[in-house]
């Protein structure tokens, strides 16, 4: 489209084109009206700009803000658990479980915070010495199972697998029910209907583990403290 046609179209839509500015006006020597503060060497008394400290009550001169000592924490848990998972605790089988030795050299720590009222569990999982690939029929290879020490049972919670390129892999976050594991037994997901309050009711009846393609029954395992 030609320039003249474009200008005509803009004019038809109601646009007015201003004439080009030949010279910019010099504002450098303008004196602002008295009282605007532009010609003052300092701000008038009371504005705070010339004060060495802020007026009492603003909080700027206090060592800490009021009330911080009584603030509620961001997360409130009804219980917390620290678990050390090692290869020697892994067993295989249901009727007569036998130790497998897990994945030698691997180790994991599980720190859990539970809020039973919200059906919420927060987790901080750190894994070292892992080899192979994550492998499990569930949707992840990092679980909490329901079973006593030396026994096996179904996974009730499935956590994101620890990730990282260095020697330590980490998985951190929170999950809230309803829960699923992705493992279907007798037509139902093994996480269906599970609530974290069940862990609080019988912590020693649960364990945390992690599975590897080199140790499918479990690379490491650790029982919840009773």
Protein backbone atom coordinates (compact mmCIF):
# COMPACT_ATOMS: atom_id res chain seq x y z
CA UNK A 1 0.00 0.00 0.00
CA UNK A 2 1.28 3.48 -0.89
CA UNK A 3 2.06 5.99 1.87
CA UNK A 4 -0.61 8.40 0.65
CA UNK A 5 -3.21 5.61 0.76
CA UNK A 6 -2.19 4.70 4.33
CA UNK A 7 -2.48 8.32 5.47
CA UNK A 8 -5.92 8.60 3.89
CA UNK A 9 -7.05 5.44 5.67
CA UNK A 10 -5.83 6.71 9.04
CA UNK A 11 -7.56 10.04 8.49
CA UNK A 12 -10.80 8.23 7.67
CA UNK A 13 -10.58 6.44 11.06
CA UNK A 14 -10.30 9.74 12.87
CA UNK A 15 -6.55 9.84 13.45
CA UNK A 16 -4.89 13.25 13.30
CA UNK A 17 -1.24 13.37 12.34
CA UNK A 18 0.76 16.11 14.08
CA UNK A 19 3.24 18.22 12.19
CA UNK A 20 6.90 17.26 12.69
CA UNK A 21 8.63 19.01 15.60
CA UNK A 22 11.29 21.26 14.21
CA UNK A 23 13.14 21.91 17.50
CA UNK A 24 12.96 20.50 21.01
CA UNK A 25 12.28 23.02 23.75
CA UNK A 26 15.01 23.54 26.36
CA UNK A 27 13.68 22.89 29.89
CA UNK A 28 17.02 23.02 31.67
CA UNK A 29 16.71 26.62 32.94
CA UNK A 30 13.09 26.56 34.06
CA UNK A 31 12.44 27.53 37.67
CA UNK A 32 9.61 25.59 39.22
CA UNK A 33 6.97 27.55 41.17
CA UNK A 34 7.73 28.33 44.78
CA UNK A 35 6.77 25.49 47.09
CA UNK A 36 7.19 22.64 44.65
CA UNK A 37 10.59 21.74 46.12
CA UNK A 38 12.47 21.68 42.85
CA UNK A 39 14.65 24.67 43.82
CA UNK A 40 15.27 23.57 47.40
CA UNK A 41 18.69 22.38 48.55
CA UNK A 42 17.06 20.00 50.98
CA UNK A 43 13.59 18.75 51.74
CA UNK A 44 11.44 20.78 54.16
CA UNK A 45 11.46 19.77 57.86
CA UNK A 46 9.22 16.83 58.60
CA UNK A 47 9.47 15.09 55.24
CA UNK A 48 12.03 12.62 56.62
CA UNK A 49 14.61 13.05 53.90
CA UNK A 50 17.00 14.97 56.23
CA UNK A 51 16.50 12.70 59.23
CA UNK A 52 19.32 10.49 60.45
CA UNK A 53 16.81 7.87 61.49
CA UNK A 54 13.16 7.20 60.94
CA UNK A 55 10.58 8.57 63.41
CA UNK A 56 9.67 6.42 66.43
CA UNK A 57 7.15 3.72 65.64
CA UNK A 58 8.12 3.11 62.01
CA UNK A 59 10.12 0.02 62.99
CA UNK A 60 13.19 0.92 60.93
CA UNK A 61 15.35 1.47 64.04
CA UNK A 62 14.22 -1.69 65.81
CA UNK A 63 16.51 -4.74 65.96
CA UNK A 64 13.61 -6.85 64.75
CA UNK A 65 10.08 -6.28 63.59
CA UNK A 66 7.39 -6.45 66.27
CA UNK A 67 5.77 -9.79 66.89
CA UNK A 68 8.25 -11.92 64.94
CA UNK A 69 9.01 -14.04 67.99
CA UNK A 70 5.41 -15.23 68.13
CA UNK A 71 4.87 -15.82 64.39
CA UNK A 72 3.43 -19.19 63.43
CA UNK A 73 5.68 -21.42 61.30
CA UNK A 74 4.86 -21.79 57.62
CA UNK A 75 4.32 -25.53 58.07
CA UNK A 76 2.73 -27.12 61.12
CA UNK A 77 3.10 -30.88 61.53
CA UNK A 78 1.32 -33.26 63.85
CA UNK A 79 4.33 -35.61 63.63
CA UNK A 80 7.80 -35.81 62.07
CA UNK A 81 10.03 -38.78 61.21
CA UNK A 82 13.67 -39.30 60.26
CA UNK A 83 14.52 -42.59 58.54
CA UNK A 84 17.86 -44.00 57.45
CA UNK A 85 17.38 -46.49 54.61
CA UNK A 86 20.15 -49.00 53.92
CA UNK A 87 20.59 -52.07 51.65
CA UNK A 88 20.75 -54.60 54.49
CA UNK A 89 17.12 -53.97 55.49
CA UNK A 90 15.70 -55.00 52.09
CA UNK A 91 13.80 -58.30 51.99
CA UNK A 92 12.03 -60.18 49.19
CA UNK A 93 8.96 -62.36 49.35
CA UNK A 94 5.71 -62.19 51.26
CA UNK A 95 5.23 -65.54 53.04
CA UNK A 96 8.83 -66.06 54.15
CA UNK A 97 10.76 -62.89 53.22
CA UNK A 98 14.51 -63.28 52.88
CA UNK A 99 17.16 -60.52 52.92
CA UNK A 100 18.44 -59.56 49.47
CA UNK A 101 21.29 -57.25 50.37
CA UNK A 102 19.73 -54.45 48.34
CA UNK A 103 22.06 -52.27 46.30
CA UNK A 104 25.47 -52.27 48.03
CA UNK A 105 26.86 -48.80 48.61
CA UNK A 106 23.49 -47.05 48.32
CA UNK A 107 21.92 -45.12 51.18
CA UNK A 108 18.97 -42.76 51.63
CA UNK A 109 17.56 -40.52 54.32
CA UNK A 110 13.86 -39.73 54.49
CA UNK A 111 12.63 -36.77 56.51
CA UNK A 112 8.84 -36.65 56.71
CA UNK A 113 6.50 -34.08 58.23
CA UNK A 114 2.85 -35.08 58.56
CA UNK A 115 -0.22 -32.95 59.14
CA UNK A 116 -2.93 -35.50 59.81
CA UNK A 117 -5.68 -32.87 59.93
CA UNK A 118 -4.93 -31.85 56.32
CA UNK A 119 -3.98 -35.37 55.17
CA UNK A 120 -0.66 -33.80 54.12
CA UNK A 121 2.86 -35.22 54.05
CA UNK A 122 6.00 -33.21 53.26
CA UNK A 123 9.22 -35.00 52.36
CA UNK A 124 12.94 -34.40 51.98
CA UNK A 125 14.62 -37.46 50.48
CA UNK A 126 18.38 -37.64 49.90
CA UNK A 127 19.90 -40.56 48.02
CA UNK A 128 23.59 -41.45 47.57
CA UNK A 129 25.42 -44.31 45.88
CA UNK A 130 22.54 -45.13 43.53
CA UNK A 131 23.21 -47.11 40.36
CA UNK A 132 21.05 -48.43 37.55
CA UNK A 133 17.66 -46.99 36.62
CA UNK A 134 14.58 -46.40 38.73
CA UNK A 135 12.36 -49.46 38.28
CA UNK A 136 8.97 -50.26 39.79
CA UNK A 137 5.48 -51.33 38.65
CA UNK A 138 4.17 -48.28 40.55
CA UNK A 139 4.22 -44.80 39.01
CA UNK A 140 7.53 -44.00 40.74
CA UNK A 141 10.23 -46.09 42.43
CA UNK A 142 10.23 -44.18 45.75
CA UNK A 143 7.61 -45.33 48.25
CA UNK A 144 6.20 -45.74 51.70
CA UNK A 145 4.94 -49.31 52.16
CA UNK A 146 2.71 -50.72 54.86
CA UNK A 147 4.51 -53.59 56.59
CA UNK A 148 6.43 -54.33 59.77
CA UNK A 149 10.19 -54.75 59.90
CA UNK A 150 11.33 -57.78 57.94
CA UNK A 151 8.01 -58.09 56.12
CA UNK A 152 6.71 -56.85 52.78
CA UNK A 153 3.51 -54.99 52.00
CA UNK A 154 1.89 -52.77 49.37
CA UNK A 155 3.03 -49.21 48.67
CA UNK A 156 0.66 -46.59 50.09
CA UNK A 157 2.51 -43.47 48.96
CA UNK A 158 4.59 -42.86 45.82
CA UNK A 159 7.00 -39.91 45.84
CA UNK A 160 8.87 -38.28 42.95
CA UNK A 161 12.19 -40.05 42.47
CA UNK A 162 15.26 -38.19 43.76
CA UNK A 163 17.03 -36.32 40.97
CA UNK A 164 20.43 -34.67 40.47
CA UNK A 165 23.65 -34.94 38.48
CA UNK A 166 26.02 -35.00 41.47
CA UNK A 167 26.71 -37.68 44.06
CA UNK A 168 23.53 -36.75 45.98
CA UNK A 169 20.06 -37.03 44.45
CA UNK A 170 17.23 -35.13 46.14
CA UNK A 171 13.42 -35.13 46.14
CA UNK A 172 11.64 -32.41 48.13
CA UNK A 173 7.99 -31.42 48.26
CA UNK A 174 4.58 -32.06 49.79
CA UNK A 175 1.62 -34.25 48.83
CA UNK A 176 -1.96 -34.13 50.00
CA UNK A 177 -4.59 -36.86 49.80
CA UNK A 178 -6.33 -38.49 48.13
CA UNK A 179 -3.27 -40.55 47.19
CA UNK A 180 -2.49 -42.95 44.36
CA UNK A 181 0.54 -45.13 43.69
CA UNK A 182 -0.25 -46.34 40.18
CA UNK A 183 -0.03 -49.96 41.35
CA UNK A 184 -3.31 -51.84 40.89
CA UNK A 185 -3.98 -54.86 43.13
CA UNK A 186 -7.31 -56.69 42.99
CA UNK A 187 -8.73 -53.91 40.83
CA UNK A 188 -7.82 -51.02 43.15
CA UNK A 189 -4.91 -48.62 43.46
CA UNK A 190 -2.91 -49.45 46.60
CA UNK A 191 -3.09 -45.82 47.66
CA UNK A 192 -6.89 -45.62 47.48
CA UNK A 193 -8.43 -44.64 50.81
CA UNK A 194 -5.07 -44.29 52.55
CA UNK A 195 -4.63 -41.39 54.97
CA UNK A 196 -1.36 -40.27 56.56
CA UNK A 197 -3.01 -40.48 59.99
CA UNK A 198 -2.57 -44.25 59.63
CA UNK A 199 1.19 -43.76 59.84
CA UNK A 200 0.81 -41.77 63.06
CA UNK A 201 -1.42 -44.50 64.50
CA UNK A 202 1.21 -47.21 63.89
CA UNK A 203 4.50 -45.78 62.58
CA UNK A 204 6.51 -49.00 63.06
CA UNK A 205 4.08 -50.68 60.66
CA UNK A 206 5.45 -48.69 57.70
CA UNK A 207 8.75 -48.46 55.86
CA UNK A 208 10.29 -46.27 53.16
CA UNK A 209 12.20 -47.72 50.24
CA UNK A 210 13.51 -47.12 46.74
CA UNK A 211 13.89 -49.51 43.82
CA UNK A 212 16.61 -49.87 41.16
CA UNK A 213 16.82 -51.92 37.98
CA UNK A 214 19.86 -53.53 39.65
CA UNK A 215 17.89 -54.28 42.82
CA UNK A 216 14.21 -54.52 41.93
CA UNK A 217 12.98 -55.76 45.35
CA UNK A 218 14.62 -52.66 46.76
CA UNK A 219 17.89 -50.74 46.66
CA UNK A 220 17.47 -49.42 50.22
CA UNK A 221 14.87 -49.69 52.94
CA UNK A 222 14.24 -48.06 56.30
CA UNK A 223 11.56 -48.63 58.93
CA UNK A 224 9.63 -45.77 60.51
CA UNK A 225 10.62 -45.37 64.16
CA UNK A 226 8.03 -46.74 66.56
